[in-house]
Amino acid sequence: MPLHVGKGRNISTAISDIIDYVENPQKTDFGKFIYGYECDTRLADAEFLLSKRQYANLTGRNQGADDVIAYHLRQAFKPGEVTPEEANQIGRDLALKLTKGNHAFVVCTHVDKHHVHNHIIINSTTLDCQKKFRNFWGSTWAIRRMNDKLCLEHGLSIVENPKPSREHYGTWLGNKKQPSFQEQIRIAIDAALEEKPKDFEELLQKLETAGLEVNRERKHLRFRVPGQENYTRCDTLKGDYTEQAIKKRIAGTRTVKPRHAFSKKTVSKVGLLVDIEAAIRSGKGPGYERWAKVFNLKQLSQAVLYLKEHGDMGYEDLLEKANATTTNFNTLSVQIKDLESRMNANAELQKQIVNYAKTRAVYVEYRKAGYSKKFRTAHEAEILLHQAAKNHFDELGIKKLPSVKSLREEYTDLLEQKRKAYSAYKQAKNDMKELHNVRANVEYLLEISSPPQPQRSTEKSRQ
């Protein structure tokens, strides 16, 4: 969503307003889930503003009223599937992929709602302050593909079939003639209205999220889609799309009959190769055209080769196999996390035993000195380490300390178990990605509505 200065604000206020909102301590667990790339999150608004001034000095170009000052991405996850830490990491990965590391950005994970979600603010000015991020037509769909790929890599659910707008995107994308800018705006308005905004302001926010630029600086409300040079006034859209008509549609006092009907595709029970070959032979239809635009022949060949190598199967068989790989991946993820937890506990205990042994003589002298304040001041570091070690043993309920040698042997054994499990984990992860990619390819090509998928593990282990 491109962000502009807006009416009655300057650049500094506009940047501060959005940064303050996304970094709200009440929403980010008091700043725990805030990440800044090439910027200090506490001073992000000032650093973004400074980059604008340096850009003006270096290029001689001044910030216009309609210029984009930043981009705001919202990234939501299925409730209960992802931890705030992993959600924040996925947000970082998405922003890095989109910007190629050339723009500063802030990722804020909000945990105040029932579903964890990210707000990503990207500085429109590059790090060298000589260029700006160029939005492009179809950026919303490109970002969605990046996001889906990242979610799949993390074993999370993805929205396989988003709600269709006035016309299915696959059919629309396959048309020879691209819709006019006005038609694209109407499509976006219909899609935003399907999400049931509570008022007109929320509708405008949804339009901005979808990639439209909304300008309210002048007397008339204006829109602009990526690639459009001049703004389109809302009242020129006419009919059901004037500002007054849209407000009535939100209030429910004006109904609009859908201009396109949608039907669900049934799945044949024969092998999927037969269905795929039939779709390719026809070479026509919105499903194939959509698929051809979104994917490529290399991905098609991967799906076909997999089905041939593993024995042609029906769609239900493919789903069962994909779910089995997910279950195996989840099991190994839990196993590795358990091993890592035990290794961390072992390493911490080793450290505390060593600290205890090194500081024991000083602590004995401290006791003999009657816990003298003067002695404590002179040896405070050693005494604190010794007391921390004793507290650690008490928390674990340890009466007799194990030897460091035995703990090291145990750690080596745990490390070996983890290496073996991680090898199987990597294979399971590859199997899961391959099968879910094959399934996604098949569903896109054959226009199959995917059934609900089992919850996948949100834990990502590291070697």
Protein backbone atom coordinates (compact mmCIF):
# COMPACT_ATOMS: atom_id res chain seq x y z
CA MET A 1 0.00 0.00 0.00
CA PRO A 2 1.66 3.26 -1.09
CA LEU A 3 1.66 5.97 1.59
CA HIS A 4 1.36 9.67 0.75
CA VAL A 5 1.75 12.82 2.81
CA GLY A 6 -2.00 13.42 2.85
CA LYS A 7 -4.05 16.51 3.48
CA GLY A 8 -3.00 18.84 6.29
CA ARG A 9 0.27 17.00 7.05
CA ASN A 10 3.94 17.36 6.21
CA ILE A 11 6.34 14.52 5.40
CA SER A 12 7.64 14.34 8.98
CA THR A 13 4.15 14.02 10.46
CA ALA A 14 3.02 11.49 7.87
CA ILE A 15 5.99 9.19 8.51
CA SER A 16 5.77 9.58 12.30
CA ASP A 17 2.05 8.79 12.33
CA ILE A 18 2.39 5.44 10.58
CA ILE A 19 5.59 4.44 12.45
CA ASP A 20 3.98 5.30 15.80
CA TYR A 21 0.94 3.20 14.94
CA VAL A 22 2.79 0.05 13.87
CA GLU A 23 5.30 0.29 16.77
CA ASN A 24 2.53 0.69 19.37
CA PRO A 25 3.90 -0.96 22.57
CA GLN A 26 0.45 -2.35 23.43
CA LYS A 27 0.38 -4.22 20.12
CA THR A 28 4.02 -5.40 19.96
CA ASP A 29 4.43 -6.68 23.54
CA PHE A 30 6.22 -3.46 24.53
CA GLY A 31 8.53 -3.51 21.52
CA LYS A 32 9.57 -7.15 21.80
CA PHE A 33 8.42 -7.94 18.27
CA ILE A 34 9.86 -4.99 16.34
CA TYR A 35 12.69 -5.41 13.82
CA GLY A 36 14.48 -2.75 11.81
CA TYR A 37 16.54 -3.35 8.67
CA GLU A 38 19.23 -0.72 8.12
CA CYS A 39 17.52 1.59 10.62
CA ASP A 40 17.14 2.09 14.36
CA THR A 41 13.53 1.22 15.16
CA ARG A 42 13.46 3.92 17.85
CA LEU A 43 14.45 6.57 15.30
CA ALA A 44 13.02 5.06 12.12
CA ASP A 45 10.80 8.05 11.34
CA ALA A 46 13.74 10.47 11.67
CA GLU A 47 16.02 8.24 9.57
CA PHE A 48 13.37 7.87 6.84
CA LEU A 49 12.93 11.65 6.79
CA LEU A 50 16.70 12.23 6.61
CA SER A 51 16.93 9.90 3.60
CA LYS A 52 14.27 12.02 1.82
CA ARG A 53 16.32 15.17 2.40
CA GLN A 54 19.51 13.49 1.20
CA TYR A 55 17.62 12.25 -1.87
CA ALA A 56 16.53 15.82 -2.64
CA ASN A 57 20.09 17.13 -2.20
CA LEU A 58 21.65 14.40 -4.36
CA THR A 59 19.08 14.34 -7.17
CA GLY A 60 17.68 17.86 -7.08
CA ARG A 61 14.16 16.43 -6.99
CA ASN A 62 11.77 17.65 -4.34
CA GLN A 63 9.01 15.57 -2.74
CA GLY A 64 5.71 16.26 -4.51
CA ALA A 65 2.28 16.07 -2.90
CA ASP A 66 1.45 12.90 -4.82
CA ASP A 67 4.82 11.21 -4.31
CA VAL A 68 4.99 7.97 -2.32
CA ILE A 69 6.91 8.38 0.95
CA ALA A 70 6.75 4.73 2.09
CA TYR A 71 4.98 1.42 1.51
CA HIS A 72 2.83 -0.34 4.10
CA LEU A 73 2.33 -4.11 3.88
CA ARG A 74 -0.02 -6.07 6.13
CA GLN A 75 0.72 -9.77 6.54
CA ALA A 76 -1.77 -11.97 8.39
CA PHE A 77 -1.54 -15.60 9.50
CA LYS A 78 -4.08 -18.26 10.39
CA PRO A 79 -4.88 -18.04 14.13
CA GLY A 80 -2.88 -20.50 16.24
CA GLU A 81 -0.48 -21.52 13.47
CA VAL A 82 2.47 -19.22 14.03
CA THR A 83 4.42 -17.80 16.96
CA PRO A 84 5.11 -14.04 17.08
CA GLU A 85 8.84 -14.74 16.65
CA GLU A 86 8.35 -16.76 13.48
CA ALA A 87 5.79 -14.31 12.12
CA ASN A 88 8.32 -11.51 12.53
CA GLN A 89 10.99 -13.57 10.76
CA ILE A 90 8.64 -14.28 7.84
CA GLY A 91 7.91 -10.55 7.63
CA ARG A 92 11.64 -9.81 7.43
CA ASP A 93 12.13 -12.41 4.70
CA LEU A 94 9.23 -11.02 2.68
CA ALA A 95 10.48 -7.43 2.91
CA LEU A 96 14.02 -8.48 1.95
CA LYS A 97 12.76 -10.43 -1.07
CA LEU A 98 10.63 -7.50 -2.20
CA THR A 99 13.27 -4.79 -1.71
CA LYS A 100 16.32 -6.94 -2.54
CA GLY A 101 17.91 -5.35 0.53
CA ASN A 102 18.01 -1.89 -1.08
CA HIS A 103 15.52 -0.17 1.22
CA ALA A 104 15.31 0.31 4.98
CA PHE A 105 12.22 -1.18 6.57
CA VAL A 106 10.53 -1.90 9.89
CA VAL A 107 8.66 -5.13 10.70
CA CYS A 108 6.22 -4.94 13.63
CA THR A 109 4.35 -8.04 14.77
CA HIS A 110 1.05 -7.25 16.47
CA VAL A 111 -0.09 -9.73 19.10
CA ASP A 112 -3.04 -7.84 20.58
CA LYS A 113 -5.65 -9.63 18.43
CA HIS A 114 -6.65 -13.29 18.25
CA HIS A 115 -4.53 -13.62 15.11
CA VAL A 116 -0.86 -12.67 14.90
CA HIS A 117 -0.15 -10.27 12.03
CA ASN A 118 2.68 -8.11 10.71
CA HIS A 119 2.88 -4.49 9.64
CA ILE A 120 5.83 -3.78 7.35
CA ILE A 121 6.82 -0.17 6.59
CA ILE A 122 9.30 0.17 3.72
CA ASN A 123 11.11 3.44 3.03
CA SER A 124 10.44 4.40 -0.59
CA THR A 125 13.95 5.90 -0.83
CA THR A 126 16.87 3.53 -1.42
CA LEU A 127 19.71 3.18 1.07
CA ASP A 128 22.06 5.22 -1.13
CA CYS A 129 19.38 7.97 -1.29
CA GLN A 130 19.60 8.16 -5.09
CA LYS A 131 16.54 6.20 -6.20
CA LYS A 132 13.03 5.25 -5.14
CA PHE A 133 11.11 1.99 -5.09
CA ARG A 134 9.09 1.62 -8.29
CA ASN A 135 5.68 0.10 -7.77
CA PHE A 136 4.40 -1.98 -10.67
CA TRP A 137 1.19 -3.38 -12.06
CA GLY A 138 0.43 -6.72 -10.44
CA SER A 139 2.65 -6.03 -7.42
CA THR A 140 -0.13 -7.24 -5.10
CA TRP A 141 -0.13 -10.66 -6.77
CA ALA A 142 3.67 -10.81 -6.92
CA ILE A 143 3.84 -10.11 -3.17
CA ARG A 144 1.17 -12.73 -2.53
CA ARG A 145 3.23 -15.34 -4.39
CA MET A 146 6.34 -14.43 -2.37
CA ASN A 147 4.29 -14.64 0.82
CA ASP A 148 2.73 -18.00 -0.12
CA LYS A 149 6.17 -19.45 -0.86
CA LEU A 150 7.54 -18.27 2.49
CA CYS A 151 4.52 -19.62 4.38
CA LEU A 152 4.87 -22.98 2.64
CA GLU A 153 8.57 -23.11 3.55
CA HIS A 154 7.62 -22.52 7.18
CA GLY A 155 4.91 -25.19 7.06
CA LEU A 156 2.05 -22.69 7.37
CA SER A 157 -1.33 -22.56 5.69
CA ILE A 158 -1.78 -20.35 2.65
CA VAL A 159 -4.90 -18.92 1.06
CA GLU A 160 -5.22 -21.22 -1.92
CA ASN A 161 -8.38 -19.68 -3.40
CA PRO A 162 -8.96 -16.06 -2.39
CA LYS A 163 -12.45 -14.63 -2.79
CA PRO A 164 -13.03 -13.79 -6.45
CA SER A 165 -13.83 -10.21 -7.30
CA ARG A 166 -16.15 -9.21 -10.12
CA GLU A 167 -14.22 -11.45 -12.46
CA HIS A 168 -11.91 -14.33 -11.58
CA TYR A 169 -8.32 -13.12 -11.68
CA GLY A 170 -7.27 -16.15 -13.76
CA THR A 171 -9.84 -15.33 -16.43
CA TRP A 172 -9.08 -11.64 -16.21
CA LEU A 173 -5.32 -12.18 -16.49
CA GLY A 174 -5.84 -14.46 -19.47
CA ASN A 175 -7.80 -11.92 -21.48
CA LYS A 176 -5.98 -10.47 -24.46
CA LYS A 177 -6.94 -6.92 -23.54
CA GLN A 178 -6.11 -5.64 -20.08
CA PRO A 179 -9.00 -3.85 -18.34
CA SER A 180 -8.99 -0.07 -18.42
CA PHE A 181 -7.75 1.82 -15.37
CA GLN A 182 -11.33 2.72 -14.45
CA GLU A 183 -12.37 -0.93 -14.69
CA GLN A 184 -9.44 -1.96 -12.51
CA ILE A 185 -10.60 0.55 -9.88
CA ARG A 186 -14.16 -0.80 -10.03
CA ILE A 187 -12.85 -4.36 -9.61
CA ALA A 188 -10.84 -3.27 -6.56
CA ILE A 189 -13.86 -1.49 -5.05
CA ASP A 190 -16.04 -4.59 -5.47
CA ALA A 191 -13.36 -6.77 -3.90
CA ALA A 192 -13.01 -4.40 -0.94
CA LEU A 193 -16.79 -4.28 -0.44
CA GLU A 194 -16.90 -8.09 -0.29
CA GLU A 195 -14.77 -7.84 2.86
CA LYS A 196 -17.67 -5.96 4.57
CA PRO A 197 -15.94 -2.73 5.70
CA LYS A 198 -17.76 -1.03 8.57
CA ASP A 199 -17.52 2.44 7.04
CA PHE A 200 -16.19 4.40 4.08
CA GLU A 201 -12.83 5.11 5.74
CA GLU A 202 -12.20 1.40 6.26
CA LEU A 203 -13.06 0.77 2.61
CA LEU A 204 -10.44 3.30 1.54
CA GLN A 205 -7.89 1.58 3.79
CA LYS A 206 -8.67 -1.75 2.13
CA LEU A 207 -8.23 -0.17 -1.31
CA GLU A 208 -4.83 1.17 -0.26
CA THR A 209 -3.88 -2.27 1.06
CA ALA A 210 -4.82 -3.73 -2.33
CA GLY A 211 -2.33 -1.39 -4.03
CA LEU A 212 -4.47 1.57 -5.05
CA GLU A 213 -3.36 5.12 -4.34
CA VAL A 214 -6.10 7.13 -2.64
CA ASN A 215 -5.85 10.91 -2.84
CA ARG A 216 -8.13 13.17 -0.79
CA GLU A 217 -6.17 16.40 -0.99
CA ARG A 218 -8.54 18.20 -3.34
CA LYS A 219 -12.29 18.63 -3.39
CA HIS A 220 -12.90 15.30 -5.13
CA LEU A 221 -11.79 11.84 -4.04
CA ARG A 222 -9.35 10.35 -6.57
CA PHE A 223 -7.85 6.90 -7.21
CA ARG A 224 -4.83 5.66 -9.14
CA VAL A 225 -3.72 2.07 -9.85
CA PRO A 226 -0.07 1.06 -10.41
CA GLY A 227 0.98 2.04 -13.92
CA GLN A 228 -1.63 4.81 -14.19
CA GLU A 229 -0.25 8.28 -14.81
CA ASN A 230 -3.21 10.50 -13.87
CA TYR A 231 -5.69 10.03 -11.05
CA THR A 232 -9.30 8.98 -11.71
CA ARG A 233 -11.96 10.96 -9.88
CA CYS A 234 -14.39 8.77 -7.98
CA ASP A 235 -17.45 10.55 -9.37
CA THR A 236 -16.36 9.75 -12.95
CA LEU A 237 -16.73 6.02 -12.24
CA LYS A 238 -20.51 6.62 -12.23
CA GLY A 239 -23.33 4.23 -11.38
CA ASP A 240 -22.59 2.01 -8.39
CA TYR A 241 -19.10 3.46 -7.91
CA THR A 242 -19.60 7.12 -7.00
CA GLU A 243 -18.74 8.07 -3.43
CA GLN A 244 -22.42 8.38 -2.50
CA ALA A 245 -23.30 5.03 -4.11
CA ILE A 246 -20.43 3.26 -2.37
CA LYS A 247 -21.51 4.64 1.02
CA LYS A 248 -25.04 3.34 0.39
CA ARG A 249 -23.64 -0.08 -0.55
CA ILE A 250 -21.70 -0.16 2.72
CA ALA A 251 -24.83 0.82 4.65
CA GLY A 252 -26.80 -1.91 2.86
CA THR A 253 -29.32 0.50 1.33
CA ARG A 254 -28.11 -0.13 -2.19
CA THR A 255 -27.61 -3.60 -3.64
CA VAL A 256 -25.70 -4.50 -6.77
CA LYS A 257 -26.34 -7.64 -8.74
CA PRO A 258 -23.11 -9.55 -9.47
CA ARG A 259 -22.25 -9.34 -13.13
CA HIS A 260 -20.42 -12.67 -13.20
CA ALA A 261 -21.31 -16.06 -11.76
CA PHE A 262 -18.76 -18.59 -10.52
CA SER A 263 -18.91 -22.35 -10.48
CA LYS A 264 -16.77 -24.88 -8.68
CA LYS A 265 -14.88 -27.46 -10.65
CA THR A 266 -15.35 -31.13 -9.82
CA VAL A 267 -12.41 -33.50 -9.66
CA SER A 268 -12.37 -36.67 -11.71
CA LYS A 269 -11.46 -39.88 -9.91
CA VAL A 270 -9.09 -41.06 -12.64
CA GLY A 271 -5.36 -40.36 -12.55
CA LEU A 272 -4.37 -36.71 -12.46
CA LEU A 273 -2.13 -37.15 -15.51
CA VAL A 274 -5.24 -37.67 -17.63
CA ASP A 275 -6.74 -34.41 -16.35
CA ILE A 276 -3.49 -32.51 -16.88
CA GLU A 277 -3.03 -33.83 -20.40
CA ALA A 278 -6.62 -32.93 -21.26
CA ALA A 279 -6.09 -29.36 -20.02
CA ILE A 280 -2.89 -29.02 -22.03
CA ARG A 281 -4.47 -30.47 -25.17
CA SER A 282 -7.32 -28.00 -24.97
CA GLY A 283 -4.85 -25.14 -24.52
CA LYS A 284 -7.81 -22.90 -23.89
CA GLY A 285 -10.02 -21.70 -21.11
CA PRO A 286 -9.42 -19.37 -18.20
CA GLY A 287 -7.94 -22.06 -15.98
CA TYR A 288 -5.13 -22.93 -18.36
CA GLU A 289 -4.51 -19.30 -19.36
CA ARG A 290 -4.37 -18.24 -15.73
CA TRP A 291 -2.02 -21.08 -14.87
CA ALA A 292 0.23 -20.33 -17.84
CA LYS A 293 0.54 -16.72 -16.69
CA VAL A 294 1.25 -17.51 -13.06
CA PHE A 295 3.45 -20.58 -13.51
CA ASN A 296 5.70 -21.90 -16.28
CA LEU A 297 6.42 -25.08 -18.19
CA LYS A 298 9.25 -26.04 -15.84
CA GLN A 299 6.82 -26.29 -12.95
CA LEU A 300 4.37 -28.25 -15.08
CA SER A 301 7.09 -30.73 -15.99
CA GLN A 302 8.00 -31.14 -12.31
CA ALA A 303 4.41 -32.01 -11.43
CA VAL A 304 4.06 -34.45 -14.33
CA LEU A 305 7.44 -36.10 -13.64
CA TYR A 306 6.54 -36.57 -9.98
CA LEU A 307 3.26 -38.27 -10.87
CA LYS A 308 5.00 -40.53 -13.39
CA GLU A 309 7.86 -41.47 -11.07
CA HIS A 310 5.60 -42.19 -8.09
CA GLY A 311 2.81 -43.87 -10.00
CA ASP A 312 -0.10 -41.91 -11.37
CA MET A 313 -2.58 -41.19 -8.60
CA GLY A 314 -5.91 -39.51 -8.05
CA TYR A 315 -6.33 -36.16 -6.34
CA GLU A 316 -7.37 -37.74 -3.01
CA ASP A 317 -4.24 -39.94 -3.08
CA LEU A 318 -2.08 -36.88 -3.71
CA LEU A 319 -3.69 -35.06 -0.77
CA GLU A 320 -3.16 -38.05 1.52
CA LYS A 321 0.49 -38.28 0.52
CA ALA A 322 0.99 -34.53 1.03
CA ASN A 323 -0.62 -34.67 4.48
CA ALA A 324 1.61 -37.62 5.44
CA THR A 325 4.75 -35.62 4.59
CA THR A 326 3.46 -32.75 6.71
CA THR A 327 2.88 -35.07 9.67
CA ASN A 328 6.40 -36.51 9.34
CA PHE A 329 7.87 -33.01 9.10
CA ASN A 330 5.98 -31.91 12.23
CA THR A 331 7.15 -34.97 14.19
CA LEU A 332 10.79 -34.36 13.31
CA SER A 333 10.44 -30.63 14.09
CA VAL A 334 9.20 -31.42 17.61
CA GLN A 335 11.98 -33.99 18.09
CA ILE A 336 14.68 -31.51 17.08
CA LYS A 337 13.23 -28.78 19.29
CA ASP A 338 13.27 -31.20 22.24
CA LEU A 339 16.91 -32.11 21.57
CA GLU A 340 17.85 -28.43 21.26
CA SER A 341 16.13 -27.68 24.57
CA ARG A 342 18.04 -30.47 26.31
CA MET A 343 21.32 -29.31 24.76
CA ASN A 344 20.75 -25.74 25.92
CA ALA A 345 19.96 -26.94 29.44
CA ASN A 346 23.09 -29.12 29.43
CA ALA A 347 25.30 -26.25 28.24
CA GLU A 348 23.87 -23.90 30.85
CA LEU A 349 24.47 -26.43 33.63
CA GLN A 350 28.07 -26.92 32.49
CA LYS A 351 28.62 -23.16 32.58
CA GLN A 352 27.16 -22.81 36.08
CA ILE A 353 29.23 -25.72 37.44
CA VAL A 354 32.42 -24.16 36.05
CA ASN A 355 31.48 -20.76 37.53
CA TYR A 356 30.69 -22.40 40.86
CA ALA A 357 34.06 -24.17 40.98
CA LYS A 358 36.03 -21.06 39.97
CA THR A 359 34.40 -18.83 42.57
CA ARG A 360 34.08 -21.32 45.44
CA ALA A 361 37.30 -20.30 47.18
CA VAL A 362 36.33 -16.60 47.13
CA TYR A 363 32.87 -17.38 48.49
CA VAL A 364 34.35 -19.49 51.33
CA GLU A 365 36.55 -16.52 52.30
CA TYR A 366 33.47 -14.29 52.09
CA ARG A 367 31.67 -16.49 54.63
CA LYS A 368 34.71 -16.58 56.90
CA ALA A 369 34.77 -12.77 56.77
CA GLY A 370 31.24 -12.75 58.17
CA TYR A 371 29.77 -11.61 54.86
CA SER A 372 31.73 -8.37 55.15
CA LYS A 373 30.48 -5.51 52.94
CA LYS A 374 34.06 -4.44 52.29
CA PHE A 375 35.01 -7.96 51.14
CA ARG A 376 31.88 -8.15 48.95
CA THR A 377 32.70 -4.84 47.30
CA ALA A 378 36.19 -6.07 46.45
CA HIS A 379 34.98 -9.42 45.08
CA GLU A 380 31.42 -8.62 43.96
CA ALA A 381 31.71 -10.18 40.48
CA GLU A 382 32.89 -13.56 41.83
CA ILE A 383 30.29 -13.58 44.61
CA LEU A 384 27.43 -12.80 42.22
CA LEU A 385 28.55 -15.58 39.86
CA HIS A 386 28.72 -18.04 42.75
CA GLN A 387 25.27 -17.11 44.04
CA ALA A 388 23.79 -17.30 40.54
CA ALA A 389 25.21 -20.80 40.14
CA LYS A 390 23.76 -21.91 43.49
CA ASN A 391 20.36 -20.49 42.57
CA HIS A 392 20.48 -22.38 39.27
CA PHE A 393 21.19 -25.68 41.06
CA ASP A 394 18.36 -25.02 43.52
CA GLU A 395 15.90 -24.32 40.69
CA LEU A 396 16.81 -27.66 39.10
CA GLY A 397 16.62 -29.45 42.46
CA ILE A 398 20.19 -30.73 42.13
CA LYS A 399 21.69 -32.04 45.39
CA LYS A 400 24.81 -33.65 43.96
CA LEU A 401 26.53 -31.95 41.05
CA PRO A 402 27.32 -34.12 38.01
CA SER A 403 30.83 -33.97 36.61
CA VAL A 404 31.53 -31.65 33.68
CA LYS A 405 33.00 -34.64 31.85
CA SER A 406 29.74 -36.62 32.04
CA LEU A 407 27.78 -33.57 30.90
CA ARG A 408 30.08 -33.10 27.91
CA GLU A 409 29.63 -36.74 26.96
CA GLU A 410 25.85 -36.32 27.22
CA TYR A 411 26.02 -33.14 25.11
CA THR A 412 28.03 -34.96 22.42
CA ASP A 413 25.43 -37.73 22.34
CA LEU A 414 22.57 -35.21 22.05
CA LEU A 415 24.42 -33.38 19.28
CA GLU A 416 24.81 -36.62 17.32
CA GLN A 417 21.11 -37.39 17.75
CA LYS A 418 20.26 -33.90 16.50
CA ARG A 419 22.50 -34.26 13.44
CA LYS A 420 20.79 -37.50 12.47
CA ALA A 421 17.34 -36.04 13.12
CA TYR A 422 18.23 -32.89 11.20
CA SER A 423 19.31 -34.92 8.19
CA ALA A 424 15.91 -36.63 8.21
CA TYR A 425 14.25 -33.26 8.88
CA LYS A 426 15.81 -31.67 5.80
CA GLN A 427 14.68 -34.58 3.65
CA ALA A 428 11.18 -34.42 5.14
CA LYS A 429 11.06 -30.68 4.51
CA ASN A 430 12.08 -31.16 0.87
CA ASP A 431 9.51 -33.94 0.45
CA MET A 432 6.80 -31.75 1.96
CA LYS A 433 7.68 -28.75 -0.21
CA GLU A 434 7.82 -30.90 -3.35
CA LEU A 435 4.46 -32.54 -2.72
CA HIS A 436 2.69 -29.34 -1.73
CA ASN A 437 4.13 -27.60 -4.80
CA VAL A 438 2.89 -30.45 -7.01
CA ARG A 439 -0.51 -30.21 -5.33
CA ALA A 440 -0.62 -26.42 -5.78
CA ASN A 441 0.33 -26.74 -9.46
CA VAL A 442 -2.32 -29.38 -10.06
CA GLU A 443 -5.00 -27.33 -8.29
CA TYR A 444 -4.18 -24.17 -10.20
CA LEU A 445 -4.15 -25.93 -13.57
CA LEU A 446 -7.29 -28.00 -13.03
CA GLU A 447 -9.08 -25.27 -11.02
CA ILE A 448 -9.61 -27.56 -8.05
CA SER A 449 -10.87 -26.07 -4.79
CA SER A 450 -8.45 -27.27 -2.13
CA PRO A 451 -10.02 -28.79 1.01
CA PRO A 452 -8.88 -27.59 4.46
CA GLN A 453 -5.34 -28.70 5.24
CA PRO A 454 -4.11 -30.08 8.58
CA GLN A 455 -2.25 -27.66 10.79
CA ARG A 456 1.45 -27.72 10.12
CA SER A 457 4.23 -27.15 12.59
CA THR A 458 5.28 -23.54 12.95
CA GLU A 459 8.64 -24.43 14.44
CA LYS A 460 11.63 -23.98 12.18
CA SER A 461 14.73 -25.74 13.44
CA ARG A 462 18.29 -24.74 12.79
CA GLN A 463 21.26 -26.98 12.62
